[in-house]
């Protein structure tokens, strides 16, 4: 019975922490960018990496506004969620995903160097989707995106959020090559 109570309290703490991390909607703060991230490394050096195929909590995501070059960095939250109200309308580059984990005596580093463009629409919830990335020896070997999972999970986790009343736009990630 103690284990059940501890498990329940742990899940409640995670839920409360996630709820407190959502920016509050207001007419002056009406644009949100969100998504979820899971990464699998499928290379000759990292097939047995114990961080494979798990939600990426604490991964740093770097966004660069294409015209101004302004950089915004955020970290993924529990269950791979990333949520920010810091990006305003325009074209952005998902410039970098960086993750470093210490497991036992080994440090596992992961960095995504492929760039992706996407557009943020003012006054909307800009859904980058549930992003599953597979990284092989030569970079990204596969990427799938599901937008419905993010919208449905967000609505379930935060049923009273005013963001649920705002129009949602699926922001498509398009590959971009560095000059």
N, C-alpha and C. Protein backbone atom coordinates (compact mmCIF):
# COMPACT_ATOMS: atom_id res chain seq x y z
N UNK A 1 0.82 -1.20 0.00
CA UNK A 1 0.00 0.00 0.00
C UNK A 1 0.86 1.26 0.00
N UNK A 2 2.00 1.22 0.73
CA UNK A 2 2.89 2.37 0.75
C UNK A 2 3.43 2.68 -0.64
N UNK A 3 3.74 1.63 -1.40
CA UNK A 3 4.28 1.82 -2.74
C UNK A 3 3.24 2.50 -3.63
N UNK A 4 1.99 2.12 -3.50
CA UNK A 4 0.92 2.72 -4.29
C UNK A 4 0.78 4.20 -3.93
N UNK A 5 0.82 4.53 -2.64
CA UNK A 5 0.72 5.92 -2.22
C UNK A 5 1.89 6.75 -2.73
N UNK A 6 3.09 6.20 -2.62
CA UNK A 6 4.28 6.91 -3.10
C UNK A 6 4.19 7.12 -4.61
N UNK A 7 3.77 6.08 -5.34
CA UNK A 7 3.61 6.19 -6.79
C UNK A 7 2.59 7.25 -7.16
N UNK A 8 1.47 7.26 -6.43
CA UNK A 8 0.43 8.26 -6.68
C UNK A 8 0.96 9.67 -6.43
N UNK A 9 1.65 9.87 -5.31
CA UNK A 9 2.21 11.19 -5.00
C UNK A 9 3.22 11.62 -6.04
N UNK A 10 4.05 10.69 -6.50
CA UNK A 10 5.04 10.99 -7.53
C UNK A 10 4.36 11.45 -8.81
N UNK A 11 3.33 10.73 -9.25
CA UNK A 11 2.61 11.10 -10.48
C UNK A 11 1.91 12.44 -10.31
N UNK A 12 1.36 12.71 -9.12
CA UNK A 12 0.71 13.98 -8.85
C UNK A 12 1.72 15.13 -8.92
N UNK A 13 2.91 14.93 -8.37
CA UNK A 13 3.95 15.95 -8.44
C UNK A 13 4.36 16.24 -9.88
N UNK A 14 4.49 15.20 -10.69
CA UNK A 14 4.84 15.39 -12.11
C UNK A 14 3.75 16.19 -12.81
N UNK A 15 2.49 15.83 -12.56
CA UNK A 15 1.38 16.53 -13.19
C UNK A 15 1.35 18.00 -12.76
N UNK A 16 1.55 18.25 -11.48
CA UNK A 16 1.55 19.64 -11.00
C UNK A 16 2.71 20.43 -11.58
N UNK A 17 3.88 19.80 -11.69
CA UNK A 17 5.03 20.48 -12.28
C UNK A 17 4.76 20.82 -13.74
N UNK A 18 4.15 19.89 -14.46
CA UNK A 18 3.84 20.14 -15.87
C UNK A 18 2.81 21.25 -16.02
N UNK A 19 1.81 21.28 -15.14
CA UNK A 19 0.77 22.31 -15.22
C UNK A 19 1.35 23.69 -14.97
N UNK A 20 2.30 23.80 -14.07
CA UNK A 20 2.84 25.11 -13.75
C UNK A 20 3.76 25.63 -14.84
N UNK A 21 4.13 24.81 -15.80
CA UNK A 21 5.09 25.21 -16.81
C UNK A 21 4.44 25.73 -18.10
N UNK A 22 3.13 25.81 -18.13
CA UNK A 22 2.45 26.31 -19.32
C UNK A 22 2.26 27.81 -19.20
N UNK A 23 2.73 28.57 -20.19
CA UNK A 23 2.51 30.03 -20.15
C UNK A 23 1.02 30.33 -20.14
N UNK A 24 0.64 31.36 -19.44
CA UNK A 24 -0.76 31.76 -19.34
C UNK A 24 -1.18 32.51 -20.60
N UNK A 25 -2.34 32.15 -21.11
CA UNK A 25 -2.91 32.82 -22.28
C UNK A 25 -3.46 34.19 -21.87
N UNK A 26 -3.27 35.18 -22.73
CA UNK A 26 -3.90 36.49 -22.58
C UNK A 26 -3.93 37.13 -23.96
N UNK A 27 -4.75 38.17 -24.16
CA UNK A 27 -4.76 38.83 -25.47
C UNK A 27 -3.38 39.37 -25.88
N UNK A 28 -2.55 39.72 -24.92
CA UNK A 28 -1.20 40.20 -25.23
C UNK A 28 -0.21 39.04 -25.39
N UNK A 29 -0.57 37.88 -24.90
CA UNK A 29 0.28 36.68 -25.00
C UNK A 29 -0.56 35.58 -25.64
N UNK A 30 -0.70 35.68 -26.97
CA UNK A 30 -1.67 34.82 -27.65
C UNK A 30 -1.04 33.83 -28.63
N UNK A 31 0.27 33.63 -28.55
CA UNK A 31 0.94 32.72 -29.48
C UNK A 31 1.74 31.70 -28.68
N UNK A 32 1.56 30.44 -29.01
CA UNK A 32 2.24 29.35 -28.30
C UNK A 32 2.85 28.41 -29.34
N UNK A 33 4.03 27.89 -29.04
CA UNK A 33 4.67 26.87 -29.87
C UNK A 33 4.89 25.67 -28.96
N UNK A 34 4.48 24.49 -29.42
CA UNK A 34 4.64 23.30 -28.59
C UNK A 34 4.83 22.05 -29.42
N UNK A 35 5.24 20.99 -28.76
CA UNK A 35 5.42 19.69 -29.38
C UNK A 35 5.96 18.72 -28.36
N UNK A 36 6.26 17.50 -28.82
CA UNK A 36 6.86 16.47 -27.98
C UNK A 36 7.98 15.80 -28.77
N UNK A 37 8.98 15.30 -28.06
CA UNK A 37 10.17 14.79 -28.71
C UNK A 37 10.58 13.42 -28.17
N UNK A 38 10.89 12.52 -29.08
CA UNK A 38 11.48 11.23 -28.74
C UNK A 38 12.58 10.96 -29.78
N UNK A 39 13.74 10.55 -29.30
CA UNK A 39 14.89 10.33 -30.20
C UNK A 39 15.42 8.92 -30.02
N UNK A 40 15.72 8.27 -31.14
CA UNK A 40 16.36 6.95 -31.13
C UNK A 40 17.63 7.06 -31.95
N UNK A 41 18.72 6.60 -31.38
CA UNK A 41 19.99 6.55 -32.12
C UNK A 41 20.14 5.15 -32.68
N UNK A 42 20.37 5.07 -33.96
CA UNK A 42 20.52 3.78 -34.62
C UNK A 42 21.81 3.80 -35.42
N UNK A 43 22.91 3.91 -34.70
CA UNK A 43 24.20 3.93 -35.37
C UNK A 43 25.05 2.79 -34.83
N UNK A 44 26.12 2.52 -35.51
CA UNK A 44 26.98 1.40 -35.10
C UNK A 44 27.56 1.61 -33.71
N UNK A 45 27.70 2.87 -33.29
CA UNK A 45 28.29 3.15 -31.97
C UNK A 45 27.27 3.22 -30.85
N UNK A 46 26.00 3.38 -31.17
CA UNK A 46 25.06 3.69 -30.09
C UNK A 46 23.80 2.84 -30.05
N UNK A 47 23.78 1.71 -30.74
CA UNK A 47 22.58 0.88 -30.75
C UNK A 47 22.14 0.45 -29.36
N UNK A 48 23.10 0.22 -28.49
CA UNK A 48 22.77 -0.25 -27.14
C UNK A 48 22.68 0.89 -26.14
N UNK A 49 22.61 2.12 -26.61
CA UNK A 49 22.50 3.28 -25.74
C UNK A 49 21.20 3.17 -24.94
N UNK A 50 21.28 3.19 -23.59
CA UNK A 50 20.08 3.01 -22.78
C UNK A 50 19.11 4.19 -22.84
N UNK A 51 19.49 5.28 -23.47
CA UNK A 51 18.58 6.42 -23.60
C UNK A 51 17.80 6.36 -24.91
N UNK A 52 17.97 5.30 -25.68
CA UNK A 52 17.27 5.17 -26.96
C UNK A 52 15.77 5.02 -26.77
N UNK A 53 15.03 5.70 -27.61
CA UNK A 53 13.59 5.49 -27.69
C UNK A 53 12.82 5.96 -26.46
N UNK A 54 13.38 6.85 -25.67
CA UNK A 54 12.68 7.37 -24.51
C UNK A 54 12.35 8.84 -24.76
N UNK A 55 11.32 9.32 -24.08
CA UNK A 55 11.00 10.74 -24.19
C UNK A 55 12.19 11.54 -23.72
N UNK A 56 12.47 12.61 -24.39
CA UNK A 56 13.65 13.42 -24.09
C UNK A 56 13.27 14.53 -23.12
N UNK A 57 13.55 14.33 -21.85
CA UNK A 57 13.34 15.35 -20.83
C UNK A 57 14.67 16.05 -20.59
N UNK A 58 14.68 17.38 -20.67
CA UNK A 58 15.90 18.14 -20.44
C UNK A 58 16.74 18.38 -21.67
N UNK A 59 16.28 17.95 -22.83
CA UNK A 59 17.00 18.22 -24.08
C UNK A 59 16.89 19.70 -24.41
N UNK A 60 18.01 20.31 -24.74
CA UNK A 60 18.00 21.73 -25.13
C UNK A 60 17.61 21.84 -26.60
N UNK A 61 16.64 22.71 -26.88
CA UNK A 61 16.20 22.97 -28.25
C UNK A 61 16.54 24.42 -28.55
N UNK A 62 17.22 24.66 -29.68
CA UNK A 62 17.59 26.01 -30.08
C UNK A 62 16.80 26.40 -31.32
N UNK A 63 16.07 27.50 -31.20
CA UNK A 63 15.32 28.08 -32.31
C UNK A 63 16.01 29.37 -32.74
N UNK A 64 16.12 29.61 -34.05
CA UNK A 64 16.70 30.85 -34.55
C UNK A 64 15.68 31.49 -35.49
N UNK A 65 15.35 32.76 -35.23
CA UNK A 65 14.46 33.50 -36.11
C UNK A 65 15.23 33.81 -37.38
N UNK A 66 14.70 33.41 -38.52
CA UNK A 66 15.46 33.42 -39.77
C UNK A 66 15.88 34.83 -40.21
N UNK A 67 15.02 35.83 -40.08
CA UNK A 67 15.36 37.17 -40.55
C UNK A 67 16.31 37.90 -39.60
N UNK A 68 16.04 37.85 -38.31
CA UNK A 68 16.83 38.62 -37.34
C UNK A 68 18.01 37.86 -36.76
N UNK A 69 17.95 36.53 -36.81
CA UNK A 69 19.01 35.73 -36.20
C UNK A 69 18.87 35.59 -34.70
N UNK A 70 17.76 36.09 -34.13
CA UNK A 70 17.54 36.00 -32.68
C UNK A 70 17.42 34.54 -32.26
N UNK A 71 18.16 34.18 -31.21
CA UNK A 71 18.22 32.80 -30.72
C UNK A 71 17.35 32.66 -29.48
N UNK A 72 16.55 31.60 -29.45
CA UNK A 72 15.75 31.25 -28.27
C UNK A 72 16.06 29.80 -27.93
N UNK A 73 16.43 29.56 -26.67
CA UNK A 73 16.73 28.20 -26.22
C UNK A 73 15.74 27.80 -25.14
N UNK A 74 15.21 26.59 -25.26
CA UNK A 74 14.31 26.04 -24.25
C UNK A 74 14.74 24.61 -23.97
N UNK A 75 14.19 24.01 -22.93
CA UNK A 75 14.46 22.60 -22.61
C UNK A 75 13.14 21.83 -22.61
N UNK A 76 13.24 20.58 -23.04
CA UNK A 76 12.06 19.73 -22.99
C UNK A 76 11.74 19.42 -21.54
N UNK A 77 10.44 19.25 -21.29
CA UNK A 77 9.94 18.97 -19.95
C UNK A 77 9.63 17.48 -19.85
N UNK A 78 8.89 17.11 -18.82
CA UNK A 78 8.54 15.71 -18.65
C UNK A 78 7.79 15.19 -19.87
N UNK A 79 7.99 13.93 -20.15
CA UNK A 79 7.36 13.27 -21.30
C UNK A 79 7.72 13.90 -22.64
N UNK A 80 8.86 14.61 -22.69
CA UNK A 80 9.33 15.17 -23.95
C UNK A 80 8.63 16.43 -24.42
N UNK A 81 7.76 17.01 -23.60
CA UNK A 81 7.05 18.22 -23.98
C UNK A 81 8.00 19.41 -24.09
N UNK A 82 7.81 20.22 -25.12
CA UNK A 82 8.43 21.54 -25.17
C UNK A 82 7.34 22.55 -25.49
N UNK A 83 7.32 23.62 -24.68
CA UNK A 83 6.26 24.62 -24.76
C UNK A 83 6.90 25.98 -24.54
N UNK A 84 6.64 26.91 -25.46
CA UNK A 84 7.17 28.26 -25.28
C UNK A 84 6.22 29.30 -25.87
N UNK A 85 6.21 30.45 -25.24
CA UNK A 85 5.48 31.60 -25.78
C UNK A 85 6.46 32.69 -26.20
N UNK A 86 7.73 32.32 -26.33
CA UNK A 86 8.80 33.28 -26.64
C UNK A 86 8.98 33.51 -28.15
N UNK A 87 8.37 32.69 -28.99
CA UNK A 87 8.52 32.83 -30.44
C UNK A 87 7.30 33.56 -30.99
N UNK A 88 7.51 34.65 -31.68
CA UNK A 88 6.42 35.41 -32.29
C UNK A 88 6.36 35.08 -33.77
N UNK A 89 5.41 35.63 -34.50
CA UNK A 89 5.21 35.23 -35.89
C UNK A 89 6.46 35.43 -36.73
N UNK A 90 6.67 34.50 -37.64
CA UNK A 90 7.82 34.55 -38.53
C UNK A 90 8.30 33.16 -38.89
N UNK A 91 9.40 33.10 -39.61
CA UNK A 91 10.00 31.83 -39.99
C UNK A 91 11.17 31.55 -39.06
N UNK A 92 11.20 30.35 -38.54
CA UNK A 92 12.23 29.95 -37.59
C UNK A 92 12.96 28.72 -38.10
N UNK A 93 14.14 28.52 -37.55
CA UNK A 93 14.92 27.32 -37.81
C UNK A 93 15.05 26.57 -36.50
N UNK A 94 14.66 25.30 -36.52
CA UNK A 94 14.97 24.43 -35.40
C UNK A 94 16.43 24.08 -35.63
N UNK A 95 17.30 24.80 -34.95
CA UNK A 95 18.73 24.79 -35.25
C UNK A 95 19.48 23.66 -34.57
N UNK A 96 19.05 23.30 -33.36
CA UNK A 96 19.81 22.27 -32.65
C UNK A 96 18.96 21.60 -31.58
N UNK A 97 19.18 20.31 -31.44
CA UNK A 97 18.70 19.54 -30.29
C UNK A 97 19.97 19.01 -29.64
N UNK A 98 20.14 19.28 -28.35
CA UNK A 98 21.35 18.80 -27.68
C UNK A 98 20.97 18.13 -26.38
N UNK A 99 21.51 16.96 -26.17
CA UNK A 99 21.19 16.19 -24.97
C UNK A 99 22.45 15.50 -24.47
N UNK A 100 22.63 15.51 -23.17
CA UNK A 100 23.77 14.83 -22.56
C UNK A 100 23.29 14.11 -21.32
N UNK A 101 23.55 12.82 -21.22
CA UNK A 101 23.12 12.01 -20.08
C UNK A 101 24.31 11.25 -19.50
N UNK A 102 24.37 11.18 -18.19
CA UNK A 102 25.37 10.34 -17.54
C UNK A 102 24.66 9.11 -17.01
N UNK A 103 25.05 7.97 -17.51
CA UNK A 103 24.48 6.70 -17.08
C UNK A 103 25.64 5.84 -16.63
N UNK A 104 25.66 5.55 -15.35
CA UNK A 104 26.81 4.85 -14.79
C UNK A 104 28.01 5.76 -14.88
N UNK A 105 29.09 5.28 -15.45
CA UNK A 105 30.29 6.09 -15.62
C UNK A 105 30.44 6.63 -17.04
N UNK A 106 29.40 6.46 -17.85
CA UNK A 106 29.48 6.86 -19.26
C UNK A 106 28.60 8.08 -19.52
N UNK A 107 29.12 9.03 -20.28
CA UNK A 107 28.33 10.19 -20.70
C UNK A 107 27.89 9.95 -22.14
N UNK A 108 26.59 9.99 -22.35
CA UNK A 108 26.00 9.82 -23.68
C UNK A 108 25.59 11.20 -24.18
N UNK A 109 26.15 11.62 -25.32
CA UNK A 109 25.82 12.92 -25.91
C UNK A 109 25.06 12.71 -27.21
N UNK A 110 24.13 13.60 -27.46
CA UNK A 110 23.34 13.52 -28.68
C UNK A 110 23.14 14.93 -29.20
N UNK A 111 23.43 15.15 -30.45
CA UNK A 111 23.23 16.46 -31.05
C UNK A 111 22.69 16.26 -32.46
N UNK A 112 21.68 17.02 -32.80
CA UNK A 112 21.07 16.96 -34.13
C UNK A 112 21.61 18.13 -34.93
N UNK A 113 22.21 17.86 -36.05
CA UNK A 113 22.80 18.94 -36.83
C UNK A 113 21.99 19.28 -38.08
N UNK A 114 20.98 18.48 -38.40
CA UNK A 114 20.11 18.81 -39.53
C UNK A 114 19.21 19.96 -39.11
N UNK A 115 19.04 20.93 -39.97
CA UNK A 115 18.20 22.08 -39.67
C UNK A 115 16.81 21.90 -40.25
N UNK A 116 15.81 22.46 -39.56
CA UNK A 116 14.44 22.40 -40.03
C UNK A 116 13.81 23.78 -39.91
N UNK A 117 13.17 24.25 -41.00
CA UNK A 117 12.41 25.50 -40.99
C UNK A 117 10.97 25.22 -40.57
N UNK A 118 10.37 26.21 -39.92
CA UNK A 118 8.93 26.15 -39.65
C UNK A 118 8.43 27.58 -39.47
N UNK A 119 7.13 27.76 -39.65
CA UNK A 119 6.52 29.08 -39.54
C UNK A 119 5.66 29.15 -38.29
N UNK A 120 5.78 30.26 -37.58
CA UNK A 120 4.94 30.52 -36.41
C UNK A 120 3.88 31.55 -36.83
N UNK A 121 2.63 31.22 -36.56
CA UNK A 121 1.53 32.11 -36.87
C UNK A 121 1.06 32.81 -35.59
N UNK A 122 0.99 34.12 -35.63
CA UNK A 122 0.57 34.93 -34.48
C UNK A 122 -0.87 34.60 -34.10
N UNK A 123 -1.12 34.55 -32.79
CA UNK A 123 -2.48 34.33 -32.30
C UNK A 123 -2.96 32.90 -32.38
N UNK A 124 -2.03 31.95 -32.55
CA UNK A 124 -2.42 30.55 -32.66
C UNK A 124 -1.53 29.68 -31.78
N UNK A 125 -2.01 28.46 -31.53
CA UNK A 125 -1.17 27.43 -30.93
C UNK A 125 -0.48 26.75 -32.11
N UNK A 126 0.82 26.92 -32.21
CA UNK A 126 1.61 26.37 -33.32
C UNK A 126 2.14 25.00 -32.90
N UNK A 127 1.55 23.97 -33.47
CA UNK A 127 1.82 22.59 -33.09
C UNK A 127 2.92 22.01 -33.97
N UNK A 128 4.11 21.79 -33.40
CA UNK A 128 5.20 21.15 -34.15
C UNK A 128 5.04 19.63 -34.17
N UNK A 129 4.11 19.11 -33.39
CA UNK A 129 3.77 17.70 -33.43
C UNK A 129 4.59 16.84 -32.48
N UNK A 130 4.24 15.56 -32.50
CA UNK A 130 4.97 14.53 -31.77
C UNK A 130 6.07 14.08 -32.72
N UNK A 131 7.30 14.46 -32.41
CA UNK A 131 8.42 14.26 -33.33
C UNK A 131 9.23 13.05 -32.88
N UNK A 132 9.27 12.03 -33.74
CA UNK A 132 10.11 10.86 -33.49
C UNK A 132 11.27 10.92 -34.48
N UNK A 133 12.48 11.03 -33.94
CA UNK A 133 13.66 11.16 -34.79
C UNK A 133 14.55 9.94 -34.58
N UNK A 134 14.98 9.37 -35.70
CA UNK A 134 15.97 8.29 -35.65
C UNK A 134 17.26 8.83 -36.25
N UNK A 135 18.33 8.71 -35.49
CA UNK A 135 19.63 9.21 -35.94
C UNK A 135 20.55 8.04 -36.21
N UNK A 136 21.08 8.00 -37.43
CA UNK A 136 22.01 6.95 -37.83
C UNK A 136 23.43 7.48 -37.90
N UNK A 137 24.33 6.71 -38.51
CA UNK A 137 25.73 7.11 -38.62
C UNK A 137 25.93 8.40 -39.40
N UNK A 138 25.02 8.71 -40.32
CA UNK A 138 25.18 9.90 -41.17
C UNK A 138 24.15 10.98 -40.86
N UNK A 139 23.66 11.02 -39.64
CA UNK A 139 22.68 12.04 -39.27
C UNK A 139 21.28 11.46 -39.21
N UNK A 140 20.28 12.31 -39.42
CA UNK A 140 18.88 11.88 -39.33
C UNK A 140 18.60 10.89 -40.43
N UNK A 141 18.17 9.68 -40.03
CA UNK A 141 17.84 8.67 -41.04
C UNK A 141 16.33 8.55 -41.22
N UNK A 142 15.57 8.99 -40.22
CA UNK A 142 14.12 8.92 -40.33
C UNK A 142 13.50 9.88 -39.33
N UNK A 143 12.41 10.51 -39.73
CA UNK A 143 11.69 11.39 -38.82
C UNK A 143 10.22 11.28 -39.14
N UNK A 144 9.41 11.02 -38.11
CA UNK A 144 7.96 11.00 -38.29
C UNK A 144 7.35 12.02 -37.35
N UNK A 145 6.26 12.62 -37.80
CA UNK A 145 5.58 13.64 -37.01
C UNK A 145 4.09 13.33 -36.99
N UNK A 146 3.50 13.39 -35.79
CA UNK A 146 2.07 13.18 -35.64
C UNK A 146 1.51 14.37 -34.86
N UNK A 147 0.65 15.13 -35.49
CA UNK A 147 0.12 16.34 -34.87
C UNK A 147 -1.04 16.05 -33.92
N UNK A 148 -1.87 15.06 -34.27
CA UNK A 148 -3.05 14.76 -33.46
C UNK A 148 -2.69 14.32 -32.04
N UNK A 149 -1.61 13.55 -31.89
CA UNK A 149 -1.21 13.08 -30.56
C UNK A 149 -0.97 14.27 -29.63
N UNK A 150 -0.26 15.28 -30.11
CA UNK A 150 0.06 16.44 -29.28
C UNK A 150 -1.20 17.19 -28.89
N UNK A 151 -2.06 17.45 -29.85
CA UNK A 151 -3.28 18.20 -29.55
C UNK A 151 -4.16 17.43 -28.56
N UNK A 152 -4.34 16.13 -28.79
CA UNK A 152 -5.18 15.32 -27.91
C UNK A 152 -4.58 15.22 -26.50
N UNK A 153 -3.27 14.98 -26.42
CA UNK A 153 -2.61 14.87 -25.11
C UNK A 153 -2.66 16.20 -24.36
N UNK A 154 -2.43 17.30 -25.06
CA UNK A 154 -2.49 18.62 -24.42
C UNK A 154 -3.89 18.86 -23.85
N UNK A 155 -4.90 18.58 -24.64
CA UNK A 155 -6.29 18.79 -24.19
C UNK A 155 -6.62 17.91 -22.99
N UNK A 156 -6.08 16.71 -22.95
CA UNK A 156 -6.31 15.81 -21.82
C UNK A 156 -5.56 16.26 -20.57
N UNK A 157 -4.31 16.66 -20.75
CA UNK A 157 -3.50 17.08 -19.59
C UNK A 157 -3.95 18.42 -19.02
N UNK A 158 -4.39 19.32 -19.88
CA UNK A 158 -4.72 20.68 -19.47
C UNK A 158 -6.13 21.04 -19.94
N UNK A 159 -7.15 20.34 -19.47
CA UNK A 159 -8.50 20.56 -20.00
C UNK A 159 -9.05 21.97 -19.73
N UNK A 160 -8.54 22.64 -18.69
CA UNK A 160 -9.05 23.97 -18.36
C UNK A 160 -8.21 25.10 -18.93
N UNK A 161 -7.18 24.76 -19.71
CA UNK A 161 -6.31 25.79 -20.26
C UNK A 161 -7.04 26.59 -21.34
N UNK A 162 -6.87 27.90 -21.30
CA UNK A 162 -7.48 28.75 -22.32
C UNK A 162 -6.85 28.52 -23.69
N UNK A 163 -5.66 27.91 -23.73
CA UNK A 163 -5.03 27.61 -25.02
C UNK A 163 -5.89 26.65 -25.84
N UNK A 164 -6.75 25.87 -25.18
CA UNK A 164 -7.63 24.95 -25.91
C UNK A 164 -8.70 25.69 -26.71
N UNK A 165 -8.92 26.96 -26.40
CA UNK A 165 -9.93 27.74 -27.13
C UNK A 165 -9.34 28.51 -28.30
N UNK A 166 -8.02 28.49 -28.42
CA UNK A 166 -7.31 29.20 -29.48
C UNK A 166 -7.20 28.29 -30.71
N UNK A 167 -7.16 28.87 -31.90
CA UNK A 167 -6.99 28.10 -33.13
C UNK A 167 -5.62 27.43 -33.13
N UNK A 168 -5.59 26.16 -33.53
CA UNK A 168 -4.33 25.40 -33.62
C UNK A 168 -3.88 25.35 -35.08
N UNK A 169 -2.58 25.50 -35.29
CA UNK A 169 -1.99 25.39 -36.63
C UNK A 169 -0.87 24.36 -36.58
N UNK A 170 -0.91 23.40 -37.49
CA UNK A 170 0.18 22.43 -37.58
C UNK A 170 1.34 23.07 -38.33
N UNK A 171 2.46 23.27 -37.62
CA UNK A 171 3.64 23.91 -38.22
C UNK A 171 4.54 22.82 -38.80
N UNK A 172 4.57 22.73 -40.09
CA UNK A 172 5.35 21.70 -40.77
C UNK A 172 6.84 21.99 -40.73
N UNK A 173 7.62 20.99 -40.37
CA UNK A 173 9.08 21.12 -40.37
C UNK A 173 9.59 20.78 -41.76
N UNK A 174 10.37 21.67 -42.35
CA UNK A 174 10.95 21.43 -43.67
C UNK A 174 12.47 21.44 -43.54
N UNK A 175 13.12 20.49 -44.16
CA UNK A 175 14.58 20.40 -44.10
C UNK A 175 15.22 21.64 -44.70
N UNK A 176 16.30 22.08 -44.08
CA UNK A 176 17.02 23.27 -44.52
C UNK A 176 18.51 22.93 -44.53
N UNK A 177 19.20 23.37 -45.54
CA UNK A 177 20.64 23.10 -45.64
C UNK A 177 21.42 24.34 -45.25
N UNK A 178 22.50 24.16 -44.50
CA UNK A 178 23.37 25.30 -44.14
C UNK A 178 24.14 25.74 -45.40
N UNK A 179 24.40 27.03 -45.47
CA UNK A 179 25.20 27.55 -46.61
C UNK A 179 26.65 27.26 -46.39
